[in-house]
Amino acid sequence: MKNTTRVLACHTNRAILKRISHMLNRAGMRTDCADDTGLAESLMSDNDYDVVLLDLFLADTDGISFAHTLNQAFPELPVLIFSRWPDPEQPGSPAVWPGWVDTYSRHVRLLFALKVMAGHVRQQKLILCIGEAHDCPVEISSSLAQQASLVLARDPYELEEAISTNHFDLVIFSPDQDAGMARDNFRILMDSLMPLPVIIHPGPGAERVVELTRQAAELHVPLPHHKNWDIDHRPGPAVLSEFTDFKTSEGID
């Protein structure tokens, strides 16, 4: 039986990757890190992970598109996209933004990423928003206009009904919920086995990142050697930082 949770984190910022790795390794997980999708694909071909963490924007594509690629290749694997990343030195801090900037930037990265996603295809997207009512669905509806429709599920009953009656393209999961409600909603989402990108928004604090990562990994039921893609291996030189199993496509100064 596997004892250690295996996590793959992909982000273009190596300083953030180091913090993510340190934060998750300190929580008892084993974390591999990639700073581009080529290395991430190579690592996924050579290793079995319990959960993948992505940023909204990567070096050569957006996080939502890459998550769709991973979902198609590994439909049983949880893929979580964080709209912003926390400062692990301040566990309660949701993100590294000055207060006045946060007022205007709370949804900016998410809205831009959704605009990019909507521009890839012509048909309207159906987005599931999980959590108590807040201004995010309103902002998305106003920004995307005819490009997306939203379904809001605020509790487990609404979530189960939404999942059973709709075919969604994307999930936005709010960590700003009652802790028990959030756990129940997240469990229902993972148990639904919907191979969909899940965006965690707004960006939670470090403790919630660890909690969501661990919960996703615990709910992950791997299929034996399920790999649906045939990619060219592009491992590049990998280096080991002061944190366990930190890998990037180039050396770290």
C-alpha atoms as a PDB file:
ATOM      1  CA  MET A   1       0.000   0.000   0.000  1.00  0.00           C
ATOM      2  CA  LYS A   2       1.308   3.451  -0.876  1.00  0.00           C
ATOM      3  CA  ASN A   3       2.029   5.522   2.220  1.00  0.00           C
ATOM      4  CA  THR A   4       3.116   8.853   0.792  1.00  0.00           C
ATOM      5  CA  THR A   5       0.920  11.203  -1.214  1.00  0.00           C
ATOM      6  CA  ARG A   6       2.544  12.081  -4.544  1.00  0.00           C
ATOM      7  CA  VAL A   7       1.909  15.596  -5.834  1.00  0.00           C
ATOM      8  CA  LEU A   8       2.929  17.285  -9.080  1.00  0.00           C
ATOM      9  CA  ALA A   9       2.956  21.095  -9.024  1.00  0.00           C
ATOM     10  CA  CYS A  10       3.353  23.133 -12.199  1.00  0.00           C
ATOM     11  CA  HIS A  11       4.064  26.871 -12.119  1.00  0.00           C
ATOM     12  CA  THR A  12       6.306  29.176 -14.163  1.00  0.00           C
ATOM     13  CA  ASN A  13       7.637  30.975 -11.088  1.00  0.00           C
ATOM     14  CA  ARG A  14      10.386  28.903  -9.475  1.00  0.00           C
ATOM     15  CA  ALA A  15      10.301  30.851  -6.244  1.00  0.00           C
ATOM     16  CA  ILE A  16       6.624  29.967  -5.849  1.00  0.00           C
ATOM     17  CA  LEU A  17       7.385  26.347  -6.772  1.00  0.00           C
ATOM     18  CA  LYS A  18       9.978  26.198  -3.987  1.00  0.00           C
ATOM     19  CA  ARG A  19       7.436  27.526  -1.499  1.00  0.00           C
ATOM     20  CA  ILE A  20       4.769  25.074  -2.698  1.00  0.00           C
ATOM     21  CA  SER A  21       7.215  22.177  -2.465  1.00  0.00           C
ATOM     22  CA  HIS A  22       8.359  23.170   1.008  1.00  0.00           C
ATOM     23  CA  MET A  23       4.784  23.670   2.214  1.00  0.00           C
ATOM     24  CA  LEU A  24       3.525  20.281   0.956  1.00  0.00           C
ATOM     25  CA  ASN A  25       6.652  18.315   1.873  1.00  0.00           C
ATOM     26  CA  ARG A  26       6.459  19.719   5.387  1.00  0.00           C
ATOM     27  CA  ALA A  27       2.904  18.329   5.508  1.00  0.00           C
ATOM     28  CA  GLY A  28       4.224  14.841   4.721  1.00  0.00           C
ATOM     29  CA  MET A  29       3.656  14.756   0.965  1.00  0.00           C
ATOM     30  CA  ARG A  30       6.196  14.078  -1.765  1.00  0.00           C
ATOM     31  CA  THR A  31       6.178  16.895  -4.304  1.00  0.00           C
ATOM     32  CA  ASP A  32       7.625  17.025  -7.805  1.00  0.00           C
ATOM     33  CA  CYS A  33       7.711  20.444  -9.457  1.00  0.00           C
ATOM     34  CA  ALA A  34       7.801  21.468 -13.115  1.00  0.00           C
ATOM     35  CA  ASP A  35       8.149  24.949 -14.542  1.00  0.00           C
ATOM     36  CA  ASP A  36       6.741  24.065 -17.971  1.00  0.00           C
ATOM     37  CA  THR A  37       4.223  21.625 -19.402  1.00  0.00           C
ATOM     38  CA  GLY A  38       6.833  19.606 -21.294  1.00  0.00           C
ATOM     39  CA  LEU A  39       8.539  18.583 -18.083  1.00  0.00           C
ATOM     40  CA  ALA A  40       5.173  18.054 -16.386  1.00  0.00           C
ATOM     41  CA  GLU A  41       4.104  15.659 -19.157  1.00  0.00           C
ATOM     42  CA  SER A  42       7.387  13.771 -18.909  1.00  0.00           C
ATOM     43  CA  LEU A  43       7.103  13.430 -15.137  1.00  0.00           C
ATOM     44  CA  MET A  44       3.521  12.215 -15.447  1.00  0.00           C
ATOM     45  CA  SER A  45       4.549   9.569 -17.955  1.00  0.00           C
ATOM     46  CA  ASP A  46       7.187   8.248 -15.557  1.00  0.00           C
ATOM     47  CA  ASN A  47       5.367   8.576 -12.232  1.00  0.00           C
ATOM     48  CA  ASP A  48       1.981   7.906 -10.652  1.00  0.00           C
ATOM     49  CA  TYR A  49       0.618  10.990  -8.906  1.00  0.00           C
ATOM     50  CA  ASP A  50      -2.344  11.370  -6.592  1.00  0.00           C
ATOM     51  CA  VAL A  51      -3.090  14.997  -7.460  1.00  0.00           C
ATOM     52  CA  VAL A  52      -1.798  17.702  -9.816  1.00  0.00           C
ATOM     53  CA  LEU A  53      -1.665  21.400  -8.888  1.00  0.00           C
ATOM     54  CA  LEU A  54      -1.526  24.046 -11.621  1.00  0.00           C
ATOM     55  CA  ASP A  55      -1.380  27.801 -11.884  1.00  0.00           C
ATOM     56  CA  LEU A  56      -3.902  29.595 -14.104  1.00  0.00           C
ATOM     57  CA  PHE A  57      -1.145  30.653 -16.505  1.00  0.00           C
ATOM     58  CA  LEU A  58       1.805  28.491 -17.574  1.00  0.00           C
ATOM     59  CA  ALA A  59       4.817  29.199 -19.758  1.00  0.00           C
ATOM     60  CA  ASP A  60       3.427  27.736 -22.977  1.00  0.00           C
ATOM     61  CA  THR A  61      -0.337  27.503 -22.412  1.00  0.00           C
ATOM     62  CA  ASP A  62      -3.033  28.401 -19.918  1.00  0.00           C
ATOM     63  CA  GLY A  63      -3.758  26.205 -16.928  1.00  0.00           C
ATOM     64  CA  ILE A  64      -7.321  25.407 -17.959  1.00  0.00           C
ATOM     65  CA  SER A  65      -6.268  24.049 -21.370  1.00  0.00           C
ATOM     66  CA  PHE A  66      -3.485  21.975 -19.841  1.00  0.00           C
ATOM     67  CA  ALA A  67      -5.866  20.660 -17.195  1.00  0.00           C
ATOM     68  CA  HIS A  68      -8.235  19.515 -19.968  1.00  0.00           C
ATOM     69  CA  THR A  69      -5.318  17.672 -21.590  1.00  0.00           C
ATOM     70  CA  LEU A  70      -4.489  15.949 -18.297  1.00  0.00           C
ATOM     71  CA  ASN A  71      -8.144  15.117 -17.636  1.00  0.00           C
ATOM     72  CA  GLN A  72      -8.421  13.396 -21.003  1.00  0.00           C
ATOM     73  CA  ALA A  73      -5.259  11.373 -20.432  1.00  0.00           C
ATOM     74  CA  PHE A  74      -5.878  10.623 -16.741  1.00  0.00           C
ATOM     75  CA  PRO A  75      -9.646  10.938 -16.127  1.00  0.00           C
ATOM     76  CA  GLU A  76      -9.374   9.572 -12.585  1.00  0.00           C
ATOM     77  CA  LEU A  77      -6.666  12.042 -11.505  1.00  0.00           C
ATOM     78  CA  PRO A  78      -7.694  15.210  -9.582  1.00  0.00           C
ATOM     79  CA  VAL A  79      -6.331  18.364 -11.237  1.00  0.00           C
ATOM     80  CA  LEU A  80      -6.637  21.528  -9.150  1.00  0.00           C
ATOM     81  CA  ILE A  81      -5.960  24.997 -10.565  1.00  0.00           C
ATOM     82  CA  PHE A  82      -5.274  27.743  -8.043  1.00  0.00           C
ATOM     83  CA  SER A  83      -6.179  31.263  -9.112  1.00  0.00           C
ATOM     84  CA  ARG A  84      -3.587  32.670  -6.725  1.00  0.00           C
ATOM     85  CA  TRP A  85      -0.954  31.208  -4.409  1.00  0.00           C
ATOM     86  CA  PRO A  86      -0.539  31.900  -0.698  1.00  0.00           C
ATOM     87  CA  ASP A  87       2.438  32.951   1.343  1.00  0.00           C
ATOM     88  CA  PRO A  88       3.273  29.791   3.361  1.00  0.00           C
ATOM     89  CA  GLU A  89       4.949  31.921   6.025  1.00  0.00           C
ATOM     90  CA  GLN A  90       1.538  33.440   6.787  1.00  0.00           C
ATOM     91  CA  PRO A  91      -0.879  30.457   6.903  1.00  0.00           C
ATOM     92  CA  GLY A  92      -3.994  32.609   7.154  1.00  0.00           C
ATOM     93  CA  SER A  93      -3.064  34.887   4.280  1.00  0.00           C
ATOM     94  CA  PRO A  94      -5.020  34.051   1.089  1.00  0.00           C
ATOM     95  CA  ALA A  95      -2.542  35.606  -1.332  1.00  0.00           C
ATOM     96  CA  VAL A  96       0.461  37.886  -1.648  1.00  0.00           C
ATOM     97  CA  TRP A  97      -1.276  41.132  -2.603  1.00  0.00           C
ATOM     98  CA  PRO A  98      -1.403  44.540  -0.944  1.00  0.00           C
ATOM     99  CA  GLY A  99      -4.904  45.327   0.293  1.00  0.00           C
ATOM    100  CA  TRP A 100      -5.676  48.067  -2.218  1.00  0.00           C
ATOM    101  CA  VAL A 101      -4.513  45.878  -5.112  1.00  0.00           C
ATOM    102  CA  ASP A 102      -6.570  42.945  -3.850  1.00  0.00           C
ATOM    103  CA  THR A 103      -9.728  45.032  -4.063  1.00  0.00           C
ATOM    104  CA  TYR A 104      -9.330  45.302  -7.839  1.00  0.00           C
ATOM    105  CA  SER A 105      -7.452  42.093  -8.609  1.00  0.00           C
ATOM    106  CA  ARG A 106      -9.609  39.530  -6.776  1.00  0.00           C
ATOM    107  CA  HIS A 107     -11.079  38.111  -9.992  1.00  0.00           C
ATOM    108  CA  VAL A 108      -8.812  39.575 -12.687  1.00  0.00           C
ATOM    109  CA  ARG A 109      -6.616  36.518 -13.312  1.00  0.00           C
ATOM    110  CA  LEU A 110      -9.608  34.178 -13.283  1.00  0.00           C
ATOM    111  CA  LEU A 111     -11.659  36.320 -15.658  1.00  0.00           C
ATOM    112  CA  PHE A 112      -8.763  36.620 -18.094  1.00  0.00           C
ATOM    113  CA  ALA A 113      -8.182  32.852 -18.015  1.00  0.00           C
ATOM    114  CA  LEU A 114     -11.876  32.216 -18.654  1.00  0.00           C
ATOM    115  CA  LYS A 115     -11.776  34.652 -21.572  1.00  0.00           C
ATOM    116  CA  VAL A 116      -8.896  32.666 -23.039  1.00  0.00           C
ATOM    117  CA  MET A 117     -10.783  29.398 -22.513  1.00  0.00           C
ATOM    118  CA  ALA A 118     -13.971  30.757 -24.095  1.00  0.00           C
ATOM    119  CA  GLY A 119     -12.026  31.980 -27.107  1.00  0.00           C
ATOM    120  CA  HIS A 120     -10.805  28.467 -27.926  1.00  0.00           C
ATOM    121  CA  VAL A 121     -14.217  27.171 -28.968  1.00  0.00           C
ATOM    122  CA  ARG A 122     -17.406  28.661 -30.335  1.00  0.00           C
ATOM    123  CA  GLN A 123     -20.019  26.900 -28.238  1.00  0.00           C
ATOM    124  CA  GLN A 124     -21.097  28.343 -24.932  1.00  0.00           C
ATOM    125  CA  LYS A 125     -19.375  26.957 -21.850  1.00  0.00           C
ATOM    126  CA  LEU A 126     -21.253  25.673 -18.802  1.00  0.00           C
ATOM    127  CA  ILE A 127     -19.477  26.449 -15.538  1.00  0.00           C
ATOM    128  CA  LEU A 128     -20.317  25.010 -12.135  1.00  0.00           C
ATOM    129  CA  CYS A 129     -19.644  27.412  -9.246  1.00  0.00           C
ATOM    130  CA  ILE A 130     -19.517  25.676  -5.859  1.00  0.00           C
ATOM    131  CA  GLY A 131     -19.832  27.675  -2.660  1.00  0.00           C
ATOM    132  CA  GLU A 132     -21.892  30.272  -0.921  1.00  0.00           C
ATOM    133  CA  ALA A 133     -23.111  33.135  -3.069  1.00  0.00           C
ATOM    134  CA  HIS A 134     -20.461  35.794  -3.633  1.00  0.00           C
ATOM    135  CA  ASP A 135     -19.578  38.276  -6.353  1.00  0.00           C
ATOM    136  CA  CYS A 136     -17.557  35.853  -8.481  1.00  0.00           C
ATOM    137  CA  PRO A 137     -20.509  34.428 -10.503  1.00  0.00           C
ATOM    138  CA  VAL A 138     -21.801  37.944 -11.131  1.00  0.00           C
ATOM    139  CA  GLU A 139     -18.400  39.117 -12.349  1.00  0.00           C
ATOM    140  CA  ILE A 140     -18.037  36.062 -14.602  1.00  0.00           C
ATOM    141  CA  SER A 141     -21.494  36.517 -16.112  1.00  0.00           C
ATOM    142  CA  SER A 142     -20.854  40.199 -16.758  1.00  0.00           C
ATOM    143  CA  SER A 143     -17.438  39.588 -18.279  1.00  0.00           C
ATOM    144  CA  LEU A 144     -18.169  36.543 -20.442  1.00  0.00           C
ATOM    145  CA  ALA A 145     -21.657  37.603 -21.566  1.00  0.00           C
ATOM    146  CA  GLN A 146     -22.804  34.994 -24.117  1.00  0.00           C
ATOM    147  CA  GLN A 147     -19.636  32.901 -23.848  1.00  0.00           C
ATOM    148  CA  ALA A 148     -20.584  31.026 -20.680  1.00  0.00           C
ATOM    149  CA  SER A 149     -23.512  30.025 -18.489  1.00  0.00           C
ATOM    150  CA  LEU A 150     -23.166  29.469 -14.760  1.00  0.00           C
ATOM    151  CA  VAL A 151     -24.820  27.112 -12.300  1.00  0.00           C
ATOM    152  CA  LEU A 152     -24.380  27.953  -8.602  1.00  0.00           C
ATOM    153  CA  ALA A 153     -24.407  25.131  -6.040  1.00  0.00           C
ATOM    154  CA  ARG A 154     -24.238  26.381  -2.456  1.00  0.00           C
ATOM    155  CA  ASP A 155     -24.695  23.135  -0.516  1.00  0.00           C
ATOM    156  CA  PRO A 156     -24.355  19.356  -1.041  1.00  0.00           C
ATOM    157  CA  TYR A 157     -28.002  18.974  -2.093  1.00  0.00           C
ATOM    158  CA  GLU A 158     -27.729  21.623  -4.814  1.00  0.00           C
ATOM    159  CA  LEU A 159     -24.364  20.235  -5.890  1.00  0.00           C
ATOM    160  CA  GLU A 160     -25.624  16.665  -6.314  1.00  0.00           C
ATOM    161  CA  GLU A 161     -28.635  17.920  -8.260  1.00  0.00           C
ATOM    162  CA  ALA A 162     -26.451  20.095 -10.509  1.00  0.00           C
ATOM    163  CA  ILE A 163     -24.024  17.264 -11.253  1.00  0.00           C
ATOM    164  CA  SER A 164     -26.813  14.803 -12.025  1.00  0.00           C
ATOM    165  CA  THR A 165     -28.618  17.111 -14.463  1.00  0.00           C
ATOM    166  CA  ASN A 166     -25.836  18.944 -16.309  1.00  0.00           C
ATOM    167  CA  HIS A 167     -22.689  18.332 -18.310  1.00  0.00           C
ATOM    168  CA  PHE A 168     -20.167  20.917 -17.171  1.00  0.00           C
ATOM    169  CA  ASP A 169     -17.009  22.185 -18.869  1.00  0.00           C
ATOM    170  CA  LEU A 170     -15.353  23.643 -15.783  1.00  0.00           C
ATOM    171  CA  VAL A 171     -15.713  23.849 -12.008  1.00  0.00           C
ATOM    172  CA  ILE A 172     -14.938  26.853  -9.813  1.00  0.00           C
ATOM    173  CA  PHE A 173     -14.700  25.821  -6.168  1.00  0.00           C
ATOM    174  CA  SER A 174     -14.736  28.542  -3.523  1.00  0.00           C
ATOM    175  CA  PRO A 175     -12.700  27.826  -0.365  1.00  0.00           C
ATOM    176  CA  ASP A 176     -14.637  30.601   1.387  1.00  0.00           C
ATOM    177  CA  GLN A 177     -17.215  28.199   2.807  1.00  0.00           C
ATOM    178  CA  ASP A 178     -17.984  26.724   6.180  1.00  0.00           C
ATOM    179  CA  ALA A 179     -15.281  24.111   6.767  1.00  0.00           C
ATOM    180  CA  GLY A 180     -17.706  21.200   7.065  1.00  0.00           C
ATOM    181  CA  MET A 181     -19.712  22.335   4.052  1.00  0.00           C
ATOM    182  CA  ALA A 182     -16.532  22.732   2.008  1.00  0.00           C
ATOM    183  CA  ARG A 183     -15.372  19.203   2.858  1.00  0.00           C
ATOM    184  CA  ASP A 184     -18.766  17.721   1.939  1.00  0.00           C
ATOM    185  CA  ASN A 185     -18.947  19.664  -1.327  1.00  0.00           C
ATOM    186  CA  PHE A 186     -15.390  18.748  -2.254  1.00  0.00           C
ATOM    187  CA  ARG A 187     -16.008  15.072  -1.506  1.00  0.00           C
ATOM    188  CA  ILE A 188     -19.130  15.054  -3.687  1.00  0.00           C
ATOM    189  CA  LEU A 189     -17.196  16.752  -6.475  1.00  0.00           C
ATOM    190  CA  MET A 190     -14.329  14.240  -6.323  1.00  0.00           C
ATOM    191  CA  ASP A 191     -16.699  11.276  -6.007  1.00  0.00           C
ATOM    192  CA  SER A 192     -18.584  12.387  -9.106  1.00  0.00           C
ATOM    193  CA  LEU A 193     -15.576  11.260 -11.197  1.00  0.00           C
ATOM    194  CA  MET A 194     -16.114  14.150 -13.585  1.00  0.00           C
ATOM    195  CA  PRO A 195     -12.812  14.609 -15.476  1.00  0.00           C
ATOM    196  CA  LEU A 196     -12.970  18.400 -15.296  1.00  0.00           C
ATOM    197  CA  PRO A 197     -10.542  21.174 -14.400  1.00  0.00           C
ATOM    198  CA  VAL A 198     -11.302  22.453 -10.906  1.00  0.00           C
ATOM    199  CA  ILE A 199     -10.313  26.059 -10.219  1.00  0.00           C
ATOM    200  CA  ILE A 200      -9.878  26.980  -6.561  1.00  0.00           C
ATOM    201  CA  HIS A 201     -10.951  30.618  -6.333  1.00  0.00           C
ATOM    202  CA  PRO A 202     -10.362  32.927  -4.598  1.00  0.00           C
ATOM    203  CA  GLY A 203      -6.850  31.774  -3.742  1.00  0.00           C
ATOM    204  CA  PRO A 204      -6.866  30.214  -0.251  1.00  0.00           C
ATOM    205  CA  GLY A 205      -4.329  30.391   2.541  1.00  0.00           C
ATOM    206  CA  ALA A 206      -1.514  27.875   2.873  1.00  0.00           C
ATOM    207  CA  GLU A 207      -3.371  25.624   5.313  1.00  0.00           C
ATOM    208  CA  ARG A 208      -6.339  25.322   2.954  1.00  0.00           C
ATOM    209  CA  VAL A 209      -4.044  24.519   0.014  1.00  0.00           C
ATOM    210  CA  VAL A 210      -2.564  21.646   2.023  1.00  0.00           C
ATOM    211  CA  GLU A 211      -6.009  20.505   3.181  1.00  0.00           C
ATOM    212  CA  LEU A 212      -7.536  20.534  -0.319  1.00  0.00           C
ATOM    213  CA  THR A 213      -4.500  18.773  -1.787  1.00  0.00           C
ATOM    214  CA  ARG A 214      -4.629  16.065   0.863  1.00  0.00           C
ATOM    215  CA  GLN A 215      -8.391  15.621   0.510  1.00  0.00           C
ATOM    216  CA  ALA A 216      -8.166  15.331  -3.276  1.00  0.00           C
ATOM    217  CA  ALA A 217      -5.391  12.758  -2.931  1.00  0.00           C
ATOM    218  CA  GLU A 218      -7.353  10.717  -0.387  1.00  0.00           C
ATOM    219  CA  LEU A 219     -10.386  10.631  -2.695  1.00  0.00           C
ATOM    220  CA  HIS A 220      -8.262   9.694  -5.715  1.00  0.00           C
ATOM    221  CA  VAL A 221      -8.837   6.077  -6.775  1.00  0.00           C
ATOM    222  CA  PRO A 222      -6.137   5.330  -9.372  1.00  0.00           C
ATOM    223  CA  LEU A 223      -6.828   3.077 -12.313  1.00  0.00           C
ATOM    224  CA  PRO A 224      -4.031   0.601 -13.016  1.00  0.00           C
ATOM    225  CA  HIS A 225      -1.429   2.193 -15.277  1.00  0.00           C
ATOM    226  CA  HIS A 226      -3.968   4.373 -17.068  1.00  0.00           C
ATOM    227  CA  LYS A 227      -2.079   6.581 -19.513  1.00  0.00           C
ATOM    228  CA  ASN A 228      -3.948   7.669 -22.626  1.00  0.00           C
ATOM    229  CA  TRP A 229      -1.273   9.750 -24.271  1.00  0.00           C
ATOM    230  CA  ASP A 230       1.788   9.053 -26.358  1.00  0.00           C
ATOM    231  CA  ILE A 231       4.101  12.005 -25.911  1.00  0.00           C
ATOM    232  CA  ASP A 232       7.712  12.642 -26.715  1.00  0.00           C
ATOM    233  CA  HIS A 233       9.781  12.469 -23.561  1.00  0.00           C
ATOM    234  CA  ARG A 234      11.372  15.818 -22.930  1.00  0.00           C
ATOM    235  CA  PRO A 235      12.937  15.336 -19.515  1.00  0.00           C
ATOM    236  CA  GLY A 236      15.688  17.926 -19.859  1.00  0.00           C
ATOM    237  CA  PRO A 237      18.194  18.281 -17.037  1.00  0.00           C
ATOM    238  CA  ALA A 238      16.453  17.922 -13.693  1.00  0.00           C
ATOM    239  CA  VAL A 239      17.927  19.220 -10.481  1.00  0.00           C
ATOM    240  CA  LEU A 240      17.233  18.538  -6.832  1.00  0.00           C
ATOM    241  CA  SER A 241      16.855  21.588  -4.658  1.00  0.00           C
ATOM    242  CA  GLU A 242      17.050  21.824  -0.905  1.00  0.00           C
ATOM    243  CA  PHE A 243      13.475  20.532  -0.921  1.00  0.00           C
ATOM    244  CA  THR A 244      12.715  16.899  -1.689  1.00  0.00           C
ATOM    245  CA  ASP A 245      12.114  15.996  -5.336  1.00  0.00           C
ATOM    246  CA  PHE A 246      12.110  19.531  -6.671  1.00  0.00           C
ATOM    247  CA  LYS A 247      12.456  19.256 -10.442  1.00  0.00           C
ATOM    248  CA  THR A 248      12.578  21.993 -13.058  1.00  0.00           C
ATOM    249  CA  SER A 249      13.453  22.006 -16.728  1.00  0.00           C
ATOM    250  CA  GLU A 250      16.631  23.958 -16.030  1.00  0.00           C
ATOM    251  CA  GLY A 251      19.025  24.408 -13.165  1.00  0.00           C
ATOM    252  CA  ILE A 252      18.285  26.720 -10.289  1.00  0.00           C
ATOM    253  CA  ASP A 253      20.709  29.476  -9.479  1.00  0.00           C
END
